[in-house]
Amino acid sequence: MFPLDRLLKSFVKFGELTVIDASGQRHVFAGRSNNGPNGEALKPVTLKVHDPALYRKIVLNPELHVGEAYMDQTITFEEGSSVRDFLTLFSANRYSLDDIRSQRLLYGMKMLVRKIQQSNRIGE
C-alpha cells in the first residue's frame, strides 16, 4: 500500500477518502476542508481494495486503473459511498495530481511514448 498511500496523501486536499486495503486495514486521507474548491459539500468516501496488485497499477495510471478496478469489482464502495461520491471527490481534487512530481513524470513519459507510437512522418 506504500506507494498508493503516499500518492493519496498528496492527492486528497478536499474532502475525506477512507481506503480499506486488501488486508482489511483502514487508511484515512483527509483534506483541509470537507468542501470542494468551489464550496460544494463533499461526502466522505470509503472504498475497499480487494486486490493488492492494484496499489502499483493505480499509482502508475490512476485514471485508467481505478475505473477498470470498479468494473472488475476489485474496488468496491462501502458504508453508503457511491461511485458518484467518489467521482465528485476526485473531480474536486483533480488538479492535485499536477502537483505530484511522480505523476508529472509518468504523464510526460506516457506522452513521449504516445508521440513515438503515433509518429506518421512522410516516407515511412
N, C-alpha and C. Protein backbone atom coordinates (compact mmCIF):
# COMPACT_ATOMS: atom_id res chain seq x y z
N MET A 1 0.83 -1.20 0.00
CA MET A 1 0.00 0.00 0.00
C MET A 1 0.87 1.25 0.00
N PHE A 2 2.17 1.12 0.26
CA PHE A 2 3.05 2.27 0.44
C PHE A 2 2.99 3.31 -0.69
N PRO A 3 3.21 2.94 -1.97
CA PRO A 3 3.22 4.00 -2.98
C PRO A 3 1.85 4.65 -3.13
N LEU A 4 0.78 3.87 -3.01
CA LEU A 4 -0.57 4.43 -3.11
C LEU A 4 -0.85 5.33 -1.92
N ASP A 5 -0.42 4.94 -0.75
CA ASP A 5 -0.58 5.74 0.46
C ASP A 5 0.05 7.12 0.28
N ARG A 6 1.25 7.13 -0.24
CA ARG A 6 1.97 8.39 -0.46
C ARG A 6 1.26 9.27 -1.50
N LEU A 7 0.78 8.64 -2.57
CA LEU A 7 0.06 9.37 -3.61
C LEU A 7 -1.22 10.01 -3.05
N LEU A 8 -1.99 9.23 -2.29
CA LEU A 8 -3.26 9.74 -1.78
C LEU A 8 -3.07 10.83 -0.73
N LYS A 9 -1.99 10.77 0.04
CA LYS A 9 -1.71 11.85 1.00
C LYS A 9 -1.53 13.17 0.29
N SER A 10 -0.90 13.14 -0.88
CA SER A 10 -0.69 14.37 -1.65
C SER A 10 -1.92 14.75 -2.47
N PHE A 11 -2.70 13.76 -2.86
CA PHE A 11 -3.84 13.99 -3.75
C PHE A 11 -5.04 14.60 -3.05
N VAL A 12 -5.43 14.07 -1.90
CA VAL A 12 -6.67 14.49 -1.24
C VAL A 12 -6.43 15.80 -0.48
N LYS A 13 -6.87 16.89 -1.09
CA LYS A 13 -6.76 18.21 -0.46
C LYS A 13 -8.12 18.71 -0.02
N PHE A 14 -9.19 18.13 -0.58
CA PHE A 14 -10.56 18.49 -0.23
C PHE A 14 -11.33 17.20 0.02
N GLY A 15 -12.14 17.19 1.08
CA GLY A 15 -12.95 16.02 1.39
C GLY A 15 -12.18 14.97 2.17
N GLU A 16 -12.79 13.78 2.25
CA GLU A 16 -12.18 12.68 3.00
C GLU A 16 -12.37 11.37 2.25
N LEU A 17 -11.27 10.64 2.12
CA LEU A 17 -11.28 9.34 1.46
C LEU A 17 -10.71 8.32 2.43
N THR A 18 -11.49 7.27 2.69
CA THR A 18 -11.03 6.15 3.51
C THR A 18 -10.83 4.96 2.58
N VAL A 19 -9.64 4.38 2.65
CA VAL A 19 -9.33 3.20 1.85
C VAL A 19 -9.15 2.02 2.80
N ILE A 20 -9.91 0.97 2.54
CA ILE A 20 -9.73 -0.28 3.27
C ILE A 20 -8.89 -1.17 2.36
N ASP A 21 -7.66 -1.46 2.79
CA ASP A 21 -6.76 -2.22 1.92
C ASP A 21 -7.13 -3.70 1.90
N ALA A 22 -6.42 -4.46 1.08
CA ALA A 22 -6.73 -5.88 0.88
C ALA A 22 -6.62 -6.70 2.16
N SER A 23 -5.84 -6.21 3.13
CA SER A 23 -5.71 -6.94 4.40
C SER A 23 -6.73 -6.47 5.44
N GLY A 24 -7.59 -5.51 5.08
CA GLY A 24 -8.63 -5.03 5.99
C GLY A 24 -8.25 -3.81 6.81
N GLN A 25 -7.05 -3.30 6.63
CA GLN A 25 -6.60 -2.12 7.38
C GLN A 25 -7.18 -0.85 6.76
N ARG A 26 -7.61 0.08 7.61
CA ARG A 26 -8.20 1.35 7.15
C ARG A 26 -7.13 2.43 7.08
N HIS A 27 -7.18 3.22 6.01
CA HIS A 27 -6.29 4.36 5.82
C HIS A 27 -7.17 5.55 5.49
N VAL A 28 -7.07 6.61 6.29
CA VAL A 28 -7.91 7.79 6.09
C VAL A 28 -7.05 8.92 5.54
N PHE A 29 -7.54 9.52 4.45
CA PHE A 29 -6.88 10.65 3.81
C PHE A 29 -7.86 11.81 3.84
N ALA A 30 -7.54 12.82 4.62
CA ALA A 30 -8.45 13.95 4.79
C ALA A 30 -7.80 15.23 4.30
N GLY A 31 -8.57 15.99 3.56
CA GLY A 31 -8.11 17.28 3.07
C GLY A 31 -8.30 18.35 4.12
N ARG A 32 -7.99 19.55 3.74
CA ARG A 32 -8.08 20.67 4.68
C ARG A 32 -9.52 21.13 4.90
N SER A 33 -10.45 20.65 4.06
CA SER A 33 -11.84 21.07 4.16
C SER A 33 -12.74 19.95 3.66
N ASN A 34 -13.97 19.88 4.20
CA ASN A 34 -14.96 18.92 3.70
C ASN A 34 -15.75 19.49 2.53
N ASN A 35 -15.37 20.70 2.12
CA ASN A 35 -15.98 21.32 0.96
C ASN A 35 -14.97 21.35 -0.17
N GLY A 36 -15.46 21.32 -1.40
CA GLY A 36 -14.59 21.38 -2.56
C GLY A 36 -14.06 22.78 -2.79
N PRO A 37 -13.25 22.98 -3.82
CA PRO A 37 -12.67 24.30 -4.08
C PRO A 37 -13.71 25.35 -4.43
N ASN A 38 -14.88 24.92 -4.89
CA ASN A 38 -15.95 25.88 -5.21
C ASN A 38 -16.99 25.97 -4.11
N GLY A 39 -16.70 25.38 -2.95
CA GLY A 39 -17.59 25.46 -1.80
C GLY A 39 -18.63 24.35 -1.73
N GLU A 40 -18.66 23.45 -2.70
CA GLU A 40 -19.66 22.37 -2.68
C GLU A 40 -19.31 21.37 -1.59
N ALA A 41 -20.34 20.86 -0.93
CA ALA A 41 -20.13 19.87 0.14
C ALA A 41 -19.72 18.54 -0.48
N LEU A 42 -18.69 17.92 0.10
CA LEU A 42 -18.21 16.62 -0.37
C LEU A 42 -18.54 15.55 0.67
N LYS A 43 -19.18 14.48 0.23
CA LYS A 43 -19.46 13.36 1.12
C LYS A 43 -18.19 12.58 1.36
N PRO A 44 -18.00 12.06 2.58
CA PRO A 44 -16.86 11.16 2.81
C PRO A 44 -17.04 9.89 1.97
N VAL A 45 -15.95 9.40 1.41
CA VAL A 45 -15.98 8.22 0.55
C VAL A 45 -15.15 7.12 1.18
N THR A 46 -15.71 5.91 1.20
CA THR A 46 -14.98 4.75 1.68
C THR A 46 -14.94 3.72 0.57
N LEU A 47 -13.73 3.31 0.21
CA LEU A 47 -13.62 2.27 -0.80
C LEU A 47 -12.73 1.15 -0.30
N LYS A 48 -13.04 -0.04 -0.77
CA LYS A 48 -12.28 -1.23 -0.37
C LYS A 48 -11.55 -1.76 -1.59
N VAL A 49 -10.25 -1.99 -1.41
CA VAL A 49 -9.40 -2.57 -2.45
C VAL A 49 -9.29 -4.06 -2.16
N HIS A 50 -9.72 -4.89 -3.10
CA HIS A 50 -9.72 -6.34 -2.90
C HIS A 50 -8.47 -7.03 -3.43
N ASP A 51 -7.72 -6.36 -4.29
CA ASP A 51 -6.55 -6.96 -4.93
C ASP A 51 -5.31 -6.11 -4.67
N PRO A 52 -4.33 -6.64 -3.93
CA PRO A 52 -3.13 -5.85 -3.63
C PRO A 52 -2.32 -5.43 -4.86
N ALA A 53 -2.52 -6.11 -5.99
CA ALA A 53 -1.82 -5.73 -7.22
C ALA A 53 -2.27 -4.35 -7.72
N LEU A 54 -3.42 -3.89 -7.25
CA LEU A 54 -3.93 -2.58 -7.68
C LEU A 54 -3.11 -1.41 -7.16
N TYR A 55 -2.44 -1.58 -6.03
CA TYR A 55 -1.69 -0.46 -5.46
C TYR A 55 -0.73 0.13 -6.49
N ARG A 56 0.07 -0.73 -7.10
CA ARG A 56 1.05 -0.27 -8.08
C ARG A 56 0.35 0.25 -9.34
N LYS A 57 -0.66 -0.46 -9.80
CA LYS A 57 -1.36 -0.06 -11.02
C LYS A 57 -1.98 1.32 -10.88
N ILE A 58 -2.59 1.59 -9.73
CA ILE A 58 -3.25 2.88 -9.52
C ILE A 58 -2.22 4.00 -9.49
N VAL A 59 -1.07 3.76 -8.87
CA VAL A 59 -0.02 4.78 -8.85
C VAL A 59 0.46 5.08 -10.26
N LEU A 60 0.61 4.05 -11.09
CA LEU A 60 1.12 4.24 -12.45
C LEU A 60 0.13 4.94 -13.37
N ASN A 61 -1.16 4.66 -13.21
CA ASN A 61 -2.16 5.28 -14.08
C ASN A 61 -3.51 5.30 -13.36
N PRO A 62 -3.72 6.26 -12.45
CA PRO A 62 -4.93 6.25 -11.63
C PRO A 62 -6.22 6.38 -12.43
N GLU A 63 -6.23 7.22 -13.47
CA GLU A 63 -7.46 7.43 -14.23
C GLU A 63 -7.93 6.14 -14.89
N LEU A 64 -7.02 5.35 -15.41
CA LEU A 64 -7.37 4.10 -16.08
C LEU A 64 -7.70 2.99 -15.09
N HIS A 65 -6.82 2.75 -14.13
CA HIS A 65 -6.93 1.55 -13.31
C HIS A 65 -8.02 1.63 -12.24
N VAL A 66 -8.37 2.81 -11.77
CA VAL A 66 -9.48 2.89 -10.81
C VAL A 66 -10.79 2.53 -11.51
N GLY A 67 -10.97 3.04 -12.72
CA GLY A 67 -12.18 2.71 -13.48
C GLY A 67 -12.27 1.23 -13.81
N GLU A 68 -11.15 0.66 -14.25
CA GLU A 68 -11.13 -0.78 -14.56
C GLU A 68 -11.37 -1.62 -13.31
N ALA A 69 -10.78 -1.22 -12.19
CA ALA A 69 -10.97 -1.96 -10.94
C ALA A 69 -12.43 -1.91 -10.49
N TYR A 70 -13.08 -0.78 -10.70
CA TYR A 70 -14.50 -0.67 -10.35
C TYR A 70 -15.32 -1.62 -11.23
N MET A 71 -15.02 -1.65 -12.51
CA MET A 71 -15.75 -2.53 -13.42
C MET A 71 -15.50 -4.01 -13.09
N ASP A 72 -14.27 -4.34 -12.69
CA ASP A 72 -13.91 -5.72 -12.33
C ASP A 72 -14.32 -6.08 -10.91
N GLN A 73 -14.83 -5.13 -10.17
CA GLN A 73 -15.23 -5.27 -8.76
C GLN A 73 -14.06 -5.64 -7.86
N THR A 74 -12.85 -5.19 -8.22
CA THR A 74 -11.72 -5.34 -7.31
C THR A 74 -11.58 -4.10 -6.43
N ILE A 75 -12.41 -3.09 -6.72
CA ILE A 75 -12.63 -1.95 -5.83
C ILE A 75 -14.14 -1.86 -5.65
N THR A 76 -14.58 -1.77 -4.40
CA THR A 76 -16.00 -1.57 -4.13
C THR A 76 -16.15 -0.39 -3.18
N PHE A 77 -17.32 0.22 -3.21
CA PHE A 77 -17.60 1.35 -2.32
C PHE A 77 -18.37 0.83 -1.12
N GLU A 78 -17.99 1.29 0.06
CA GLU A 78 -18.52 0.78 1.32
C GLU A 78 -19.20 1.92 2.10
N GLU A 79 -19.94 1.53 3.12
CA GLU A 79 -20.51 2.44 4.11
C GLU A 79 -21.34 3.55 3.47
N GLY A 80 -22.14 3.20 2.48
CA GLY A 80 -23.04 4.17 1.86
C GLY A 80 -22.40 5.04 0.80
N SER A 81 -21.13 4.85 0.53
CA SER A 81 -20.46 5.62 -0.52
C SER A 81 -20.88 5.08 -1.88
N SER A 82 -20.80 5.94 -2.89
CA SER A 82 -21.15 5.52 -4.25
C SER A 82 -20.07 5.98 -5.22
N VAL A 83 -20.14 5.46 -6.42
CA VAL A 83 -19.19 5.88 -7.44
C VAL A 83 -19.37 7.38 -7.73
N ARG A 84 -20.59 7.86 -7.62
CA ARG A 84 -20.83 9.30 -7.82
C ARG A 84 -20.11 10.13 -6.76
N ASP A 85 -20.18 9.70 -5.51
CA ASP A 85 -19.48 10.41 -4.43
C ASP A 85 -17.97 10.41 -4.70
N PHE A 86 -17.44 9.27 -5.16
CA PHE A 86 -16.02 9.17 -5.46
C PHE A 86 -15.63 10.10 -6.61
N LEU A 87 -16.44 10.11 -7.67
CA LEU A 87 -16.13 10.97 -8.81
C LEU A 87 -16.19 12.45 -8.44
N THR A 88 -17.12 12.80 -7.56
CA THR A 88 -17.20 14.18 -7.07
C THR A 88 -15.94 14.54 -6.29
N LEU A 89 -15.50 13.62 -5.41
CA LEU A 89 -14.28 13.83 -4.64
C LEU A 89 -13.06 13.92 -5.57
N PHE A 90 -12.98 13.01 -6.53
CA PHE A 90 -11.87 13.02 -7.49
C PHE A 90 -11.85 14.33 -8.28
N SER A 91 -13.02 14.76 -8.72
CA SER A 91 -13.11 15.99 -9.51
C SER A 91 -12.66 17.21 -8.69
N ALA A 92 -13.02 17.25 -7.42
CA ALA A 92 -12.62 18.36 -6.56
C ALA A 92 -11.11 18.39 -6.34
N ASN A 93 -10.47 17.23 -6.44
CA ASN A 93 -9.03 17.12 -6.17
C ASN A 93 -8.19 16.90 -7.43
N ARG A 94 -8.79 16.92 -8.60
CA ARG A 94 -8.09 16.51 -9.83
C ARG A 94 -6.83 17.31 -10.12
N TYR A 95 -6.80 18.57 -9.78
CA TYR A 95 -5.61 19.37 -10.07
C TYR A 95 -4.46 19.05 -9.12
N SER A 96 -4.74 18.32 -8.06
CA SER A 96 -3.69 17.91 -7.12
C SER A 96 -2.68 16.97 -7.78
N LEU A 97 -3.13 16.19 -8.77
CA LEU A 97 -2.21 15.28 -9.47
C LEU A 97 -1.09 16.05 -10.15
N ASP A 98 -1.38 17.26 -10.61
CA ASP A 98 -0.36 18.08 -11.27
C ASP A 98 0.75 18.50 -10.30
N ASP A 99 0.45 18.52 -9.01
CA ASP A 99 1.42 18.93 -8.00
C ASP A 99 2.33 17.78 -7.56
N ILE A 100 2.02 16.56 -7.98
CA ILE A 100 2.78 15.39 -7.54
C ILE A 100 3.83 15.08 -8.60
N ARG A 101 5.09 15.24 -8.23
CA ARG A 101 6.19 15.12 -9.18
C ARG A 101 6.20 13.78 -9.91
N SER A 102 5.96 12.68 -9.20
CA SER A 102 5.97 11.37 -9.85
C SER A 102 4.87 11.27 -10.90
N GLN A 103 3.72 11.87 -10.64
CA GLN A 103 2.63 11.83 -11.61
C GLN A 103 2.95 12.67 -12.84
N ARG A 104 3.61 13.82 -12.64
CA ARG A 104 4.03 14.63 -13.78
C ARG A 104 5.04 13.87 -14.64
N LEU A 105 5.97 13.19 -13.99
CA LEU A 105 6.99 12.42 -14.70
C LEU A 105 6.35 11.27 -15.48
N LEU A 106 5.46 10.52 -14.85
CA LEU A 106 4.78 9.42 -15.54
C LEU A 106 3.96 9.92 -16.72
N TYR A 107 3.29 11.04 -16.53
CA TYR A 107 2.48 11.61 -17.62
C TYR A 107 3.37 12.04 -18.78
N GLY A 108 4.51 12.67 -18.48
CA GLY A 108 5.44 13.09 -19.53
C GLY A 108 5.99 11.90 -20.30
N MET A 109 6.32 10.83 -19.60
CA MET A 109 6.81 9.62 -20.27
C MET A 109 5.72 9.01 -21.15
N LYS A 110 4.50 8.99 -20.64
CA LYS A 110 3.38 8.44 -21.41
C LYS A 110 3.16 9.25 -22.69
N MET A 111 3.25 10.55 -22.60
CA MET A 111 3.06 11.40 -23.78
C MET A 111 4.20 11.22 -24.78
N LEU A 112 5.42 11.03 -24.30
CA LEU A 112 6.56 10.79 -25.19
C LEU A 112 6.39 9.47 -25.94
N VAL A 113 6.02 8.42 -25.23
CA VAL A 113 5.80 7.13 -25.86
C VAL A 113 4.66 7.23 -26.87
N ARG A 114 3.60 7.92 -26.51
CA ARG A 114 2.46 8.09 -27.42
C ARG A 114 2.89 8.81 -28.69
N LYS A 115 3.70 9.85 -28.53
CA LYS A 115 4.17 10.62 -29.69
C LYS A 115 5.00 9.73 -30.62
N ILE A 116 5.86 8.90 -30.06
CA ILE A 116 6.68 7.99 -30.87
C ILE A 116 5.80 6.94 -31.55
N GLN A 117 4.85 6.38 -30.82
CA GLN A 117 3.98 5.35 -31.38
C GLN A 117 3.11 5.89 -32.49
N GLN A 118 2.69 7.13 -32.36
CA GLN A 118 1.76 7.71 -33.33
C GLN A 118 2.47 8.53 -34.40
N SER A 119 3.78 8.42 -34.45
CA SER A 119 4.53 9.14 -35.46
C SER A 119 4.08 8.70 -36.85
N ASN A 120 3.90 9.69 -37.71
CA ASN A 120 3.41 9.42 -39.06
C ASN A 120 4.16 10.33 -40.04
N ARG A 121 5.48 10.19 -40.02
CA ARG A 121 6.29 11.05 -40.89
C ARG A 121 6.17 10.61 -42.34
N ILE A 122 6.33 11.54 -43.25
CA ILE A 122 6.28 11.25 -44.68
C ILE A 122 7.45 10.32 -45.02
N GLY A 123 7.19 9.31 -45.81
CA GLY A 123 8.23 8.40 -46.25
C GLY A 123 8.34 7.14 -45.40
N GLU A 124 7.56 7.04 -44.36
CA GLU A 124 7.63 5.81 -43.54
C GLU A 124 6.62 4.81 -44.01
